[in-house]
């Protein structure tokens, strides 16, 4: 794709001629006015959430707080029995899921085990826990989209669903549990966003197709035969074996996969021994595997076992391998991505939506929803305010003007998709055989 701007696309061919059903300028102006009038409210919400972060699977107070907030807007809420994570519906009168669409907007709600180092009035009050990935911002923007669309409830052509998902930062992640809870039942499309501190305020990043990588973990336990450091010939040195394994793992993607399709194996831990003059009995390694290719992901289980097994066999060691499946890769729906880009261009100007040339090798369990229903995520420019202001940094912070930008894009994209999906459902019923 030439240039950085993301080209807009027209509506699907089946909807051509139905532009009269698109959101009217008056409705869009009401969304803008509502968000402008509630700017301070959204910033206050984000700062409250930033002050009170909670770790994955422990977001009890966060869930309760957001439930109370969205219920004030008139949404019907559905909380998981475990007390973390929920979804909320804004349902117009006479809604029928067979006749009318549902569009969902998702936010994650958990924080990270990081000690915040920002000197700000709303710094984390939970020692060792911080919203260093911007989930406080995600919650505020998704809440803002619901706040603005609430004003149009009686004019919505379908149901709006807000998903506040727990445990995004863990493996396998909370999205699967939300799916099992029914969060995307009868949902026709889903939207999401992620903070991007490397992107300026007033700009978003969009990319159809591969957007993030899959994320899996592995743990390797190698058992040898320990002994005196002066007599390695009497031992089976697990450290030596583990180093051969480590070198082989780093070479696996390059020698087994098409080099044009990214795949990354990273070792994060290497643990063995307690004394400099003793060959230990065991050594342990752990790391992560990332790829945008589902085929590569499926092949890696066998590749790991054959590689580790062959090296251990050659040196007389044994091993145990544990694989932990995380989130699959996000593959953004091309049309929904074009809707987001069109909406962002309307709001931010011609350069507001920038094409992301390469997928991120980070993981995001928004992919779990996109495997089941059409969906797309975009990157929200939050403005880098300091050299160390990157994701998962103890200094992470944002330009809070980004909240209204994100909320406005989500609200307008959801409204447009509701209108277009309503036309599709109507067309489908009209062409059904008698």
Protein backbone atom coordinates (compact mmCIF):
# COMPACT_ATOMS: atom_id res chain seq x y z
CA UNK A 1 0.00 0.00 0.00
CA UNK A 2 1.52 3.35 -1.02
CA UNK A 3 1.70 6.20 1.45
CA UNK A 4 0.71 6.21 5.08
CA UNK A 5 -2.92 7.26 4.91
CA UNK A 6 -5.46 4.46 4.92
CA UNK A 7 -7.75 4.67 1.88
CA UNK A 8 -11.44 4.78 2.59
CA UNK A 9 -13.78 2.24 1.12
CA UNK A 10 -17.40 2.47 0.15
CA UNK A 11 -20.11 0.41 1.80
CA UNK A 12 -20.66 -3.21 0.77
CA UNK A 13 -22.24 -3.61 -2.63
CA UNK A 14 -25.43 -5.00 -1.13
CA UNK A 15 -25.86 -1.74 0.75
CA UNK A 16 -25.26 0.59 -2.19
CA UNK A 17 -28.26 2.74 -2.77
CA UNK A 18 -29.11 2.61 0.92
CA UNK A 19 -27.05 5.62 1.98
CA UNK A 20 -30.29 7.23 3.13
CA UNK A 21 -30.16 4.78 6.04
CA UNK A 22 -26.70 5.92 7.17
CA UNK A 23 -26.48 7.99 10.37
CA UNK A 24 -27.66 11.51 9.65
CA UNK A 25 -25.42 14.54 10.20
CA UNK A 26 -27.75 15.54 13.04
CA UNK A 27 -27.18 12.27 14.87
CA UNK A 28 -23.42 12.55 14.43
CA UNK A 29 -23.49 16.13 15.71
CA UNK A 30 -25.36 14.96 18.81
CA UNK A 31 -22.66 12.37 19.48
CA UNK A 32 -19.98 15.05 19.21
CA UNK A 33 -21.87 17.46 21.47
CA UNK A 34 -22.48 14.81 24.12
CA UNK A 35 -18.82 13.84 24.29
CA UNK A 36 -17.68 17.46 24.38
CA UNK A 37 -20.09 18.20 27.22
CA UNK A 38 -18.83 15.18 29.17
CA UNK A 39 -15.08 15.60 28.65
CA UNK A 40 -14.40 16.25 32.33
CA UNK A 41 -16.57 13.29 33.33
CA UNK A 42 -14.57 10.90 31.15
CA UNK A 43 -11.24 12.22 32.38
CA UNK A 44 -12.41 11.89 35.96
CA UNK A 45 -13.41 8.28 35.30
CA UNK A 46 -10.06 7.46 33.74
CA UNK A 47 -8.18 9.02 36.67
CA UNK A 48 -10.28 7.15 39.21
CA UNK A 49 -9.56 3.87 37.45
CA UNK A 50 -5.87 4.72 37.19
CA UNK A 51 -5.77 5.37 40.92
CA UNK A 52 -7.42 2.02 41.73
CA UNK A 53 -5.87 -0.65 39.46
CA UNK A 54 -6.43 -4.36 40.01
CA UNK A 55 -4.57 -7.39 38.72
CA UNK A 56 -5.99 -9.99 36.34
CA UNK A 57 -8.76 -12.18 37.80
CA UNK A 58 -8.98 -9.80 40.78
CA UNK A 59 -10.82 -6.90 39.14
CA UNK A 60 -13.73 -7.06 41.59
CA UNK A 61 -13.89 -3.37 42.49
CA UNK A 62 -13.20 -2.31 38.91
CA UNK A 63 -16.07 -4.48 37.70
CA UNK A 64 -18.43 -3.20 40.38
CA UNK A 65 -17.50 0.42 39.67
CA UNK A 66 -18.02 0.12 35.92
CA UNK A 67 -21.27 -1.80 36.38
CA UNK A 68 -22.62 1.07 38.48
CA UNK A 69 -21.47 3.61 35.90
CA UNK A 70 -23.08 1.94 32.88
CA UNK A 71 -26.27 1.16 34.78
CA UNK A 72 -26.60 4.89 35.41
CA UNK A 73 -26.74 5.24 31.61
CA UNK A 74 -29.63 2.79 31.37
CA UNK A 75 -27.69 -0.27 30.22
CA UNK A 76 -28.72 -3.73 31.37
CA UNK A 77 -25.67 -5.46 32.87
CA UNK A 78 -24.62 -9.12 32.99
CA UNK A 79 -21.78 -9.89 35.43
CA UNK A 80 -19.88 -13.17 35.42
CA UNK A 81 -20.62 -15.31 38.51
CA UNK A 82 -16.96 -14.96 39.49
CA UNK A 83 -17.46 -11.21 39.92
CA UNK A 84 -14.88 -10.08 37.35
CA UNK A 85 -15.84 -8.99 33.86
CA UNK A 86 -19.28 -8.16 32.48
CA UNK A 87 -21.17 -6.99 29.45
CA UNK A 88 -23.92 -4.41 29.18
CA UNK A 89 -26.69 -3.89 26.64
CA UNK A 90 -28.42 -0.77 25.39
CA UNK A 91 -31.50 -2.21 23.76
CA UNK A 92 -34.02 -0.11 21.83
CA UNK A 93 -37.73 -0.77 22.11
CA UNK A 94 -39.14 -3.64 20.05
CA UNK A 95 -35.69 -5.14 19.54
CA UNK A 96 -35.68 -8.59 17.87
CA UNK A 97 -32.29 -10.30 17.39
CA UNK A 98 -33.56 -12.00 14.24
CA UNK A 99 -34.53 -8.64 12.72
CA UNK A 100 -32.08 -6.20 14.28
CA UNK A 101 -28.28 -6.32 14.65
CA UNK A 102 -26.07 -6.13 17.72
CA UNK A 103 -22.70 -4.38 17.62
CA UNK A 104 -20.27 -4.76 20.52
CA UNK A 105 -17.43 -2.55 21.74
CA UNK A 106 -14.84 -4.20 23.97
CA UNK A 107 -12.57 -2.86 26.70
CA UNK A 108 -10.12 -4.76 28.86
CA UNK A 109 -10.05 -3.83 32.57
CA UNK A 110 -7.04 -5.41 34.29
CA UNK A 111 -3.74 -3.80 35.32
CA UNK A 112 -0.13 -4.96 35.49
CA UNK A 113 2.18 -5.90 38.40
CA UNK A 114 4.28 -2.74 37.99
CA UNK A 115 5.18 -0.11 40.59
CA UNK A 116 4.16 3.26 39.18
CA UNK A 117 6.90 5.93 39.03
CA UNK A 118 4.81 8.84 37.72
CA UNK A 119 4.57 11.97 39.90
CA UNK A 120 0.91 12.78 39.21
CA UNK A 121 -2.10 13.54 41.46
CA UNK A 122 -3.82 10.33 40.37
CA UNK A 123 -0.95 7.87 40.74
CA UNK A 124 -1.81 4.26 41.64
CA UNK A 125 -2.86 3.76 45.25
CA UNK A 126 -2.38 -0.01 44.97
CA UNK A 127 1.33 -0.71 45.62
CA UNK A 128 2.98 -2.72 42.87
CA UNK A 129 -0.01 -2.50 40.53
CA UNK A 130 -0.45 -0.01 37.68
CA UNK A 131 -2.52 0.61 34.57
CA UNK A 132 0.67 0.66 32.49
CA UNK A 133 -1.00 -0.64 29.33
CA UNK A 134 -3.80 1.91 29.19
CA UNK A 135 -6.75 -0.25 30.15
CA UNK A 136 -8.02 2.66 32.27
CA UNK A 137 -8.08 4.67 29.04
CA UNK A 138 -9.83 1.86 27.19
CA UNK A 139 -12.55 1.73 29.84
CA UNK A 140 -13.09 5.48 29.70
CA UNK A 141 -13.32 5.54 25.90
CA UNK A 142 -15.72 2.60 25.73
CA UNK A 143 -17.82 4.14 28.49
CA UNK A 144 -17.77 7.42 26.54
CA UNK A 145 -19.02 5.69 23.41
CA UNK A 146 -21.89 4.20 25.39
CA UNK A 147 -22.60 7.55 27.02
CA UNK A 148 -22.94 9.29 23.68
CA UNK A 149 -24.98 6.54 22.00
CA UNK A 150 -27.31 6.39 25.01
CA UNK A 151 -28.63 9.75 23.84
CA UNK A 152 -29.79 8.08 20.62
CA UNK A 153 -31.30 4.95 22.14
CA UNK A 154 -34.73 5.35 20.57
CA UNK A 155 -33.17 5.96 17.16
CA UNK A 156 -30.73 3.05 17.15
CA UNK A 157 -31.46 0.41 14.47
CA UNK A 158 -30.12 -2.32 16.75
CA UNK A 159 -28.57 -3.13 20.10
CA UNK A 160 -25.31 -1.75 21.44
CA UNK A 161 -23.26 -4.03 23.69
CA UNK A 162 -20.32 -2.91 25.81
CA UNK A 163 -17.92 -5.65 26.93
CA UNK A 164 -15.67 -4.97 29.92
CA UNK A 165 -13.33 -7.94 29.88
CA UNK A 166 -11.13 -9.12 32.72
CA UNK A 167 -7.68 -10.77 32.58
CA UNK A 168 -6.41 -9.64 29.19
CA UNK A 169 -2.85 -9.57 30.54
CA UNK A 170 -2.77 -13.26 31.44
CA UNK A 171 -2.48 -16.50 29.51
CA UNK A 172 -4.80 -17.81 28.20
CA UNK A 173 -6.70 -14.54 28.86
CA UNK A 174 -10.21 -13.57 29.87
CA UNK A 175 -11.74 -13.30 26.40
CA UNK A 176 -12.44 -17.03 26.20
CA UNK A 177 -14.24 -16.89 29.54
CA UNK A 178 -16.31 -13.93 28.31
CA UNK A 179 -17.24 -15.87 25.17
CA UNK A 180 -18.30 -18.82 27.32
CA UNK A 181 -20.36 -16.40 29.41
CA UNK A 182 -22.29 -15.33 26.31
CA UNK A 183 -20.70 -11.93 25.71
CA UNK A 184 -20.81 -12.26 21.92
CA UNK A 185 -23.98 -14.30 21.56
CA UNK A 186 -26.08 -12.75 18.75
CA UNK A 187 -23.36 -10.12 18.12
CA UNK A 188 -22.86 -9.21 14.45
CA UNK A 189 -19.64 -7.18 14.74
CA UNK A 190 -17.17 -6.09 17.41
CA UNK A 191 -14.87 -3.08 17.78
CA UNK A 192 -11.82 -2.52 19.96
CA UNK A 193 -8.93 -0.14 20.43
CA UNK A 194 -5.52 -0.04 22.08
CA UNK A 195 -3.45 2.88 23.34
CA UNK A 196 -0.40 3.75 21.24
CA UNK A 197 1.93 6.19 23.03
CA UNK A 198 4.25 6.25 20.01
CA UNK A 199 1.49 7.74 17.89
CA UNK A 200 0.58 11.45 18.21
CA UNK A 201 -2.70 12.68 19.59
CA UNK A 202 -5.30 13.12 16.85
CA UNK A 203 -4.15 10.08 14.86
CA UNK A 204 -5.06 6.42 14.83
CA UNK A 205 -3.38 3.39 13.27
CA UNK A 206 -5.41 0.92 11.22
CA UNK A 207 -4.54 -2.31 9.45
CA UNK A 208 -6.78 -4.91 7.80
CA UNK A 209 -5.75 -8.54 8.15
CA UNK A 210 -2.91 -9.53 10.52
CA UNK A 211 -2.78 -7.00 13.36
CA UNK A 212 -1.08 -8.81 16.26
CA UNK A 213 0.66 -12.15 16.73
CA UNK A 214 -0.44 -15.26 18.56
CA UNK A 215 1.11 -15.63 22.00
CA UNK A 216 1.99 -18.98 23.56
CA UNK A 217 4.25 -19.86 26.49
CA UNK A 218 6.49 -22.87 27.05
CA UNK A 219 8.37 -24.32 30.00
CA UNK A 220 11.20 -26.87 29.60
CA UNK A 221 12.60 -28.94 32.45
CA UNK A 222 15.81 -30.86 31.62
CA UNK A 223 17.10 -33.58 33.95
CA UNK A 224 20.69 -34.77 33.81
CA UNK A 225 23.10 -36.25 36.34
CA UNK A 226 24.85 -33.92 38.74
CA UNK A 227 28.29 -34.16 40.27
CA UNK A 228 31.63 -32.49 40.88
CA UNK A 229 32.63 -29.66 38.59
CA UNK A 230 36.08 -31.25 38.20
CA UNK A 231 34.62 -34.50 36.82
CA UNK A 232 32.13 -33.65 34.07
CA UNK A 233 32.79 -37.03 32.44
CA UNK A 234 30.94 -38.62 35.36
CA UNK A 235 27.91 -36.36 34.86
CA UNK A 236 25.23 -35.46 32.37
CA UNK A 237 25.46 -31.69 32.54
CA UNK A 238 21.91 -30.23 32.21
CA UNK A 239 23.30 -26.70 31.76
CA UNK A 240 25.31 -27.79 28.72
CA UNK A 241 22.25 -29.59 27.33
CA UNK A 242 20.03 -26.58 28.03
CA UNK A 243 22.39 -24.24 26.18
CA UNK A 244 22.21 -26.50 23.12
CA UNK A 245 18.42 -26.43 23.41
CA UNK A 246 18.42 -22.64 23.73
CA UNK A 247 20.57 -22.17 20.63
CA UNK A 248 18.39 -24.58 18.64
CA UNK A 249 15.14 -22.86 19.67
CA UNK A 250 16.38 -19.47 18.49
CA UNK A 251 17.06 -20.99 15.07
CA UNK A 252 13.75 -22.87 14.71
CA UNK A 253 11.71 -20.16 12.92
CA UNK A 254 14.44 -19.30 10.40
CA UNK A 255 15.07 -22.91 9.40
CA UNK A 256 11.50 -24.21 9.38
CA UNK A 257 9.19 -21.38 8.28
CA UNK A 258 8.88 -19.06 5.32
CA UNK A 259 11.09 -16.10 6.30
CA UNK A 260 8.52 -13.68 4.86
CA UNK A 261 6.04 -14.63 7.58
CA UNK A 262 7.19 -13.43 11.01
CA UNK A 263 7.66 -15.88 13.86
CA UNK A 264 9.58 -15.22 17.07
CA UNK A 265 10.78 -17.54 19.83
CA UNK A 266 12.07 -15.73 22.91
CA UNK A 267 13.66 -17.24 26.02
CA UNK A 268 12.81 -15.33 29.16
CA UNK A 269 14.24 -17.51 31.94
CA UNK A 270 17.18 -19.91 32.36
CA UNK A 271 17.58 -21.39 35.83
CA UNK A 272 20.11 -23.97 37.00
CA UNK A 273 22.53 -24.66 39.80
CA UNK A 274 23.38 -23.14 43.19
CA UNK A 275 27.18 -23.39 43.36
CA UNK A 276 30.01 -22.58 40.95
CA UNK A 277 31.82 -25.88 41.45
CA UNK A 278 28.81 -28.21 41.24
CA UNK A 279 27.15 -29.61 38.12
CA UNK A 280 23.45 -29.58 38.98
CA UNK A 281 20.85 -32.25 38.39
CA UNK A 282 18.40 -30.06 36.49
CA UNK A 283 18.03 -26.95 34.36
CA UNK A 284 14.84 -25.11 33.39
CA UNK A 285 14.00 -22.75 30.53
CA UNK A 286 10.86 -20.81 29.71
CA UNK A 287 9.84 -18.45 26.97
CA UNK A 288 7.26 -17.36 24.45
CA UNK A 289 6.31 -18.12 20.86
CA UNK A 290 4.73 -15.54 18.56
CA UNK A 291 3.56 -15.76 14.97
CA UNK A 292 0.85 -14.33 12.75
CA UNK A 293 0.41 -17.67 10.96
CA UNK A 294 -2.06 -20.20 12.44
CA UNK A 295 -0.27 -22.93 10.45
CA UNK A 296 3.11 -22.07 11.99
CA UNK A 297 1.55 -21.99 15.42
CA UNK A 298 0.15 -25.48 15.03
CA UNK A 299 3.48 -26.86 13.78
CA UNK A 300 5.53 -25.55 16.68
CA UNK A 301 4.34 -28.15 19.21
CA UNK A 302 5.85 -30.97 17.15
CA UNK A 303 8.96 -28.95 16.27
CA UNK A 304 9.70 -28.15 19.90
CA UNK A 305 9.33 -31.77 21.00
CA UNK A 306 11.49 -33.14 18.19
CA UNK A 307 14.21 -30.52 18.70
CA UNK A 308 14.38 -30.80 22.48
CA UNK A 309 13.99 -34.57 22.42
CA UNK A 310 16.77 -35.04 19.88
CA UNK A 311 19.26 -32.93 21.81
CA UNK A 312 18.45 -34.59 25.13
CA UNK A 313 18.71 -38.04 23.58
CA UNK A 314 22.11 -37.22 22.10
CA UNK A 315 23.47 -36.21 25.50
CA UNK A 316 21.71 -38.76 27.70
CA UNK A 317 19.33 -36.31 29.40
CA UNK A 318 15.56 -36.41 29.78
CA UNK A 319 13.08 -33.58 29.56
CA UNK A 320 9.54 -32.38 30.21
CA UNK A 321 7.87 -29.77 27.99
CA UNK A 322 4.79 -27.77 28.98
CA UNK A 323 3.04 -25.65 26.33
CA UNK A 324 0.51 -23.03 27.40
CA UNK A 325 -1.75 -21.76 24.65
CA UNK A 326 -2.43 -18.04 24.77
CA UNK A 327 -4.31 -15.73 22.44
CA UNK A 328 -4.36 -16.36 18.70
CA UNK A 329 -3.33 -13.64 16.26
CA UNK A 330 -5.77 -10.81 15.57
CA UNK A 331 -6.90 -10.75 11.94
CA UNK A 332 -8.90 -7.57 11.45
CA UNK A 333 -11.96 -7.71 9.24
CA UNK A 334 -11.15 -5.61 6.16
CA UNK A 335 -14.53 -3.91 5.86
CA UNK A 336 -14.86 -3.04 9.55
CA UNK A 337 -11.33 -1.64 9.42
CA UNK A 338 -12.36 0.55 6.48
CA UNK A 339 -15.37 1.81 8.46
CA UNK A 340 -13.07 2.78 11.35
CA UNK A 341 -10.73 4.54 8.91
CA UNK A 342 -13.59 6.42 7.23
CA UNK A 343 -14.99 7.54 10.57
CA UNK A 344 -11.56 8.63 11.83
CA UNK A 345 -10.99 10.62 8.64
CA UNK A 346 -14.31 12.40 9.12
CA UNK A 347 -13.39 13.29 12.71
CA UNK A 348 -9.64 13.91 12.47
CA UNK A 349 -9.07 14.96 8.87
CA UNK A 350 -7.39 13.37 5.89
CA UNK A 351 -4.33 12.20 7.82
CA UNK A 352 -6.24 11.01 10.88
CA UNK A 353 -6.18 7.31 9.94
CA UNK A 354 -2.71 5.99 9.16
CA UNK A 355 -2.03 2.55 7.71
CA UNK A 356 0.13 0.32 9.93
CA UNK A 357 2.62 -1.31 7.53
CA UNK A 358 3.49 -4.36 9.65
CA UNK A 359 1.61 -6.34 12.30
CA UNK A 360 2.69 -6.12 15.92
CA UNK A 361 4.32 -9.20 17.43
CA UNK A 362 2.58 -8.45 20.71
CA UNK A 363 -0.38 -10.54 21.82
CA UNK A 364 -3.98 -9.42 22.44
CA UNK A 365 -6.91 -11.70 23.23
CA UNK A 366 -9.33 -9.48 21.33
CA UNK A 367 -8.42 -12.09 18.71
CA UNK A 368 -10.66 -14.61 20.46
CA UNK A 369 -13.71 -12.56 19.48
CA UNK A 370 -12.44 -12.00 15.92
CA UNK A 371 -12.11 -15.76 15.41
CA UNK A 372 -15.87 -16.07 15.93
CA UNK A 373 -17.41 -12.86 14.57
CA UNK A 374 -16.24 -10.02 12.30
CA UNK A 375 -14.20 -7.51 14.27
CA UNK A 376 -11.41 -4.99 14.12
CA UNK A 377 -9.10 -3.17 16.53
CA UNK A 378 -7.29 0.12 15.93
CA UNK A 379 -4.41 1.87 17.68
CA UNK A 380 -5.32 5.14 19.38
CA UNK A 381 -2.64 7.80 19.40
CA UNK A 382 -2.18 8.91 23.01
CA UNK A 383 0.87 11.13 22.56
CA UNK A 384 4.33 10.29 23.84
CA UNK A 385 4.96 12.74 26.67
CA UNK A 386 8.38 11.43 27.73
CA UNK A 387 11.16 9.23 26.30
CA UNK A 388 10.25 6.38 28.68
CA UNK A 389 6.51 6.70 28.13
CA UNK A 390 5.97 3.35 26.42
CA UNK A 391 3.52 0.54 27.10
CA UNK A 392 4.22 -1.52 30.24
CA UNK A 393 6.54 1.20 31.51
CA UNK A 394 6.26 2.48 35.11
CA UNK A 395 6.20 5.97 33.51
CA UNK A 396 3.34 5.27 31.09
CA UNK A 397 0.81 8.10 30.81
CA UNK A 398 -1.32 9.70 28.09
CA UNK A 399 -2.54 12.97 26.67
CA UNK A 400 -6.11 12.78 27.98
CA UNK A 401 -7.54 14.43 24.87
CA UNK A 402 -7.22 10.96 23.37
CA UNK A 403 -10.20 9.76 25.41
CA UNK A 404 -12.72 11.83 23.46
CA UNK A 405 -11.03 10.91 20.18
CA UNK A 406 -11.31 7.20 20.91
CA UNK A 407 -14.85 7.44 22.23
CA UNK A 408 -16.00 9.41 19.21
CA UNK A 409 -14.49 6.96 16.71
CA UNK A 410 -15.95 3.94 18.52
CA UNK A 411 -19.40 5.52 18.79
CA UNK A 412 -19.59 6.61 15.17
CA UNK A 413 -18.21 3.32 13.85
CA UNK A 414 -20.70 1.35 15.97
CA UNK A 415 -23.58 3.52 14.81
CA UNK A 416 -22.63 3.11 11.15
CA UNK A 417 -22.26 -0.66 11.53
CA UNK A 418 -25.63 -0.88 13.25
CA UNK A 419 -27.26 0.91 10.32
CA UNK A 420 -25.49 -1.22 7.72
CA UNK A 421 -26.08 -4.51 9.53
CA UNK A 422 -29.75 -3.58 9.88
CA UNK A 423 -29.94 -3.15 6.10
CA UNK A 424 -28.23 -6.51 5.61
CA UNK A 425 -30.69 -8.29 7.90
CA UNK A 426 -33.61 -6.64 6.14
CA UNK A 427 -32.19 -7.64 2.73
CA UNK A 428 -31.60 -11.20 3.90
CA UNK A 429 -35.24 -11.54 4.95
CA UNK A 430 -36.47 -10.08 1.70
CA UNK A 431 -34.56 -12.62 -0.41
CA UNK A 432 -35.56 -15.67 1.64
CA UNK A 433 -37.51 -18.17 -0.50
CA UNK A 434 -41.19 -18.43 0.24
